[in-house]
């Protein structure tokens, strides 16, 4: 009799209002979410990021854990004069 594979749970987060599903693990980070987002969208090299309305420095992305329904806003630089 075949053994059923355990189902992998996932969490949903939002990046610029778009729902993104991440494999549920205790160590989902901003870096993980950005990697998935950049695979699906134009890669950004310069940007600022806010998690639930709070600015997170680039150095803190790998250490910032995500929770279900977190909201990430990515801001690209605006050029002008």
Protein backbone atom coordinates (compact mmCIF):
# COMPACT_ATOMS: atom_id res chain seq x y z
CA UNK A 1 0.00 0.00 0.00
CA UNK A 2 1.53 3.38 -1.01
CA UNK A 3 2.41 5.73 1.78
CA UNK A 4 0.90 9.18 1.50
CA UNK A 5 3.38 12.03 1.38
CA UNK A 6 3.02 14.46 4.22
CA UNK A 7 1.46 17.67 2.99
CA UNK A 8 3.70 20.67 3.09
CA UNK A 9 1.98 23.56 4.79
CA UNK A 10 2.42 27.05 3.48
CA UNK A 11 1.90 30.58 4.68
CA UNK A 12 0.65 33.51 2.67
CA UNK A 13 2.30 36.88 2.77
CA UNK A 14 1.71 39.95 0.64
CA UNK A 15 4.28 41.80 -1.44
CA UNK A 16 3.02 45.09 -2.88
CA UNK A 17 -0.50 43.74 -2.39
CA UNK A 18 0.19 40.50 -4.28
CA UNK A 19 -0.35 37.25 -2.38
CA UNK A 20 2.77 35.05 -2.24
CA UNK A 21 2.80 31.54 -0.80
CA UNK A 22 5.87 30.36 1.12
CA UNK A 23 6.55 26.89 2.45
CA UNK A 24 5.72 27.06 6.14
CA UNK A 25 8.93 26.83 8.08
CA UNK A 26 10.12 28.49 11.21
CA UNK A 27 12.85 30.28 9.27
CA UNK A 28 11.07 32.03 6.39
CA UNK A 29 12.87 35.33 6.02
CA UNK A 30 12.55 38.49 3.99
CA UNK A 31 15.37 37.19 1.80
CA UNK A 32 13.34 34.04 1.00
CA UNK A 33 10.29 36.10 0.04
CA UNK A 34 12.32 38.51 -2.08
CA UNK A 35 13.95 35.62 -3.95
CA UNK A 36 10.55 34.23 -4.91
CA UNK A 37 9.19 37.67 -5.77
CA UNK A 38 12.16 38.49 -8.00
CA UNK A 39 11.78 35.18 -9.86
CA UNK A 40 8.22 36.20 -10.76
CA UNK A 41 8.86 39.91 -11.38
CA UNK A 42 11.49 42.21 -12.73
CA UNK A 43 14.56 41.97 -10.55
CA UNK A 44 15.19 45.02 -8.44
CA UNK A 45 18.72 45.95 -7.53
CA UNK A 46 18.01 49.18 -5.64
CA UNK A 47 14.97 49.38 -3.42
CA UNK A 48 13.73 50.12 0.06
CA UNK A 49 11.49 47.72 1.92
CA UNK A 50 8.89 48.02 4.67
CA UNK A 51 7.49 45.07 6.60
CA UNK A 52 4.06 45.81 8.06
CA UNK A 53 4.81 49.52 7.67
CA UNK A 54 8.26 49.42 9.32
CA UNK A 55 11.44 50.03 7.32
CA UNK A 56 13.83 47.06 7.39
CA UNK A 57 17.45 47.65 6.40
CA UNK A 58 18.99 45.41 3.72
CA UNK A 59 21.43 44.01 6.31
CA UNK A 60 18.46 42.75 8.36
CA UNK A 61 16.64 40.96 5.50
CA UNK A 62 18.27 37.53 6.12
CA UNK A 63 17.48 37.68 9.85
CA UNK A 64 13.92 39.00 9.70
CA UNK A 65 11.40 36.15 10.10
CA UNK A 66 8.04 36.28 8.39
CA UNK A 67 4.66 35.35 9.82
CA UNK A 68 1.41 34.53 8.01
CA UNK A 69 -0.26 37.57 6.43
CA UNK A 70 2.79 39.82 6.80
CA UNK A 71 2.75 42.68 4.31
CA UNK A 72 5.91 43.75 2.48
CA UNK A 73 6.05 46.97 0.48
CA UNK A 74 8.91 47.42 -1.97
CA UNK A 75 9.80 50.93 -3.05
CA UNK A 76 11.94 51.57 -6.10
CA UNK A 77 13.90 54.83 -6.25
CA UNK A 78 12.28 57.71 -8.09
CA UNK A 79 14.50 59.84 -10.24
CA UNK A 80 13.82 63.48 -10.77
CA UNK A 81 15.18 66.88 -10.34
